[in-house]
Amino acid sequence: MPIYEFKCGECRKVTNFFTRKVDLEVTPSCENCGSDDLTRLISNFGRAYTRADIMDMYGDATDAKDPDSIRDPRQIGSWVEKRFDEYGVDLPDSAREMIDAARDGEMPGPVKDL
């Protein structure tokens, strides 16, 4: 589902237009001033990173001595799993859910607003 971006010729602000299908003939109006004088922009695109991508970029935090070396929530999950395993304690279901969510790229609720 594409999100198109347009720059308004009157107020010079960028307007986002979401559509459920790819359609090059979209004609929205400016969400800021209502003008129809819009120029379509070439948008950035998002890329999903796998756990392996994160480990390649930032390293595995399981051996981290410096808390600043943890750059992604997926690294935190690996560190937590290793600590629970070292102590011979079962990982609580709530912690497992947060780790799995972080590996999917979603910040866990308790830390989302930090």
Protein backbone atom coordinates (compact mmCIF):
# COMPACT_ATOMS: atom_id res chain seq x y z
CA MET A 1 0.00 0.00 0.00
CA PRO A 2 1.84 3.05 -1.20
CA ILE A 3 2.10 6.41 0.50
CA TYR A 4 2.69 9.19 -2.00
CA GLU A 5 4.29 12.50 -1.03
CA PHE A 6 3.53 15.83 -2.66
CA LYS A 7 4.92 19.34 -2.16
CA CYS A 8 2.42 22.16 -2.18
CA GLY A 9 3.12 25.04 -4.59
CA GLU A 10 1.32 27.53 -2.35
CA CYS A 11 2.32 26.77 1.28
CA ARG A 12 5.46 24.74 0.31
CA LYS A 13 4.62 21.99 2.83
CA VAL A 14 4.73 18.25 2.15
CA THR A 15 1.46 16.32 2.04
CA ASN A 16 1.26 12.54 2.41
CA PHE A 17 -1.40 10.61 0.50
CA PHE A 18 -2.14 6.98 1.41
CA THR A 19 -3.88 4.69 -1.08
CA ARG A 20 -4.74 1.00 -1.04
CA LYS A 21 -3.57 0.44 -4.62
CA VAL A 22 -0.75 1.57 -6.83
CA ASP A 23 -2.19 4.36 -8.93
CA LEU A 24 -0.08 6.94 -10.68
CA GLU A 25 -3.11 9.16 -11.24
CA VAL A 26 -3.67 10.19 -7.61
CA THR A 27 -4.77 13.81 -7.25
CA PRO A 28 -5.01 14.80 -3.59
CA SER A 29 -5.20 18.32 -2.26
CA CYS A 30 -2.82 19.85 0.28
CA GLU A 31 -3.67 18.72 3.82
CA ASN A 32 -2.35 22.04 5.17
CA CYS A 33 -3.95 24.71 2.95
CA GLY A 34 -6.30 22.75 0.65
CA SER A 35 -4.53 23.77 -2.57
CA ASP A 36 -4.54 21.48 -5.61
CA ASP A 37 -1.16 22.86 -6.78
CA LEU A 38 0.91 19.81 -5.78
CA THR A 39 4.10 18.34 -7.22
CA ARG A 40 4.78 14.67 -6.61
CA LEU A 41 8.01 13.91 -4.75
CA ILE A 42 10.19 10.83 -4.88
CA SER A 43 9.78 9.31 -1.42
CA ASN A 44 12.20 7.40 0.75
CA PHE A 45 11.36 3.80 1.38
CA GLY A 46 11.53 1.69 4.49
CA ARG A 47 13.50 -1.49 4.87
CA ALA A 48 12.85 -4.18 7.43
CA TYR A 49 15.93 -5.57 9.14
CA THR A 50 16.21 -9.17 10.24
CA ARG A 51 17.85 -10.18 13.51
CA ALA A 52 20.88 -11.30 11.49
CA ASP A 53 21.07 -7.83 9.84
CA ILE A 54 21.08 -6.17 13.27
CA MET A 55 23.77 -8.50 14.56
CA ASP A 56 25.88 -7.75 11.46
CA MET A 57 25.44 -3.98 11.90
CA TYR A 58 25.75 -3.66 15.67
CA GLY A 59 27.18 -6.95 16.88
CA ASP A 60 25.75 -9.36 19.40
CA ALA A 61 25.14 -7.66 22.73
CA THR A 62 25.40 -10.90 24.70
CA ASP A 63 29.07 -10.17 25.33
CA ALA A 64 28.61 -6.42 25.73
CA LYS A 65 30.35 -4.81 28.68
CA ASP A 66 29.35 -1.29 27.62
CA PRO A 67 25.59 -0.49 27.74
CA ASP A 68 26.09 2.01 24.89
CA SER A 69 26.95 -0.89 22.57
CA ILE A 70 23.27 -1.94 22.61
CA ARG A 71 21.73 -0.05 19.71
CA ASP A 72 18.64 -2.08 18.91
CA PRO A 73 15.96 -3.82 21.00
CA ARG A 74 16.72 -7.12 19.27
CA GLN A 75 20.17 -7.06 20.83
CA ILE A 76 18.66 -6.61 24.27
CA GLY A 77 16.60 -9.77 23.77
CA SER A 78 19.72 -11.82 23.05
CA TRP A 79 21.40 -10.43 26.16
CA VAL A 80 18.36 -11.23 28.36
CA GLU A 81 18.06 -14.77 26.97
CA LYS A 82 21.73 -15.43 27.67
CA ARG A 83 21.51 -14.13 31.26
CA PHE A 84 18.44 -16.27 32.06
CA ASP A 85 20.16 -19.30 30.54
CA GLU A 86 23.34 -18.67 32.58
CA TYR A 87 21.33 -18.53 35.81
CA GLY A 88 19.28 -21.61 34.90
CA VAL A 89 16.02 -19.71 35.18
CA ASP A 90 13.09 -20.04 32.77
CA LEU A 91 12.34 -16.88 30.81
CA PRO A 92 8.88 -15.56 31.83
CA ASP A 93 6.23 -15.58 29.10
CA SER A 94 5.84 -11.79 29.32
CA ALA A 95 9.58 -11.33 28.67
CA ARG A 96 9.43 -13.82 25.78
CA GLU A 97 6.56 -11.81 24.21
CA MET A 98 8.52 -8.55 24.48
CA ILE A 99 11.67 -10.12 23.01
CA ASP A 100 9.73 -11.61 20.10
CA ALA A 101 8.01 -8.27 19.45
CA ALA A 102 11.38 -6.48 19.49
CA ARG A 103 12.80 -8.98 16.99
CA ASP A 104 9.87 -8.12 14.72
CA GLY A 105 10.95 -4.48 14.96
CA GLU A 106 8.31 -3.39 17.48
CA MET A 107 9.41 -1.60 20.62
CA PRO A 108 7.94 -3.31 23.70
CA GLY A 109 5.21 -1.31 25.45
CA PRO A 110 7.15 -0.55 28.68
CA VAL A 111 10.04 1.06 26.77
CA LYS A 112 8.18 2.49 23.76
CA ASP A 113 7.99 6.04 25.19
CA LEU A 114 11.50 6.24 26.67
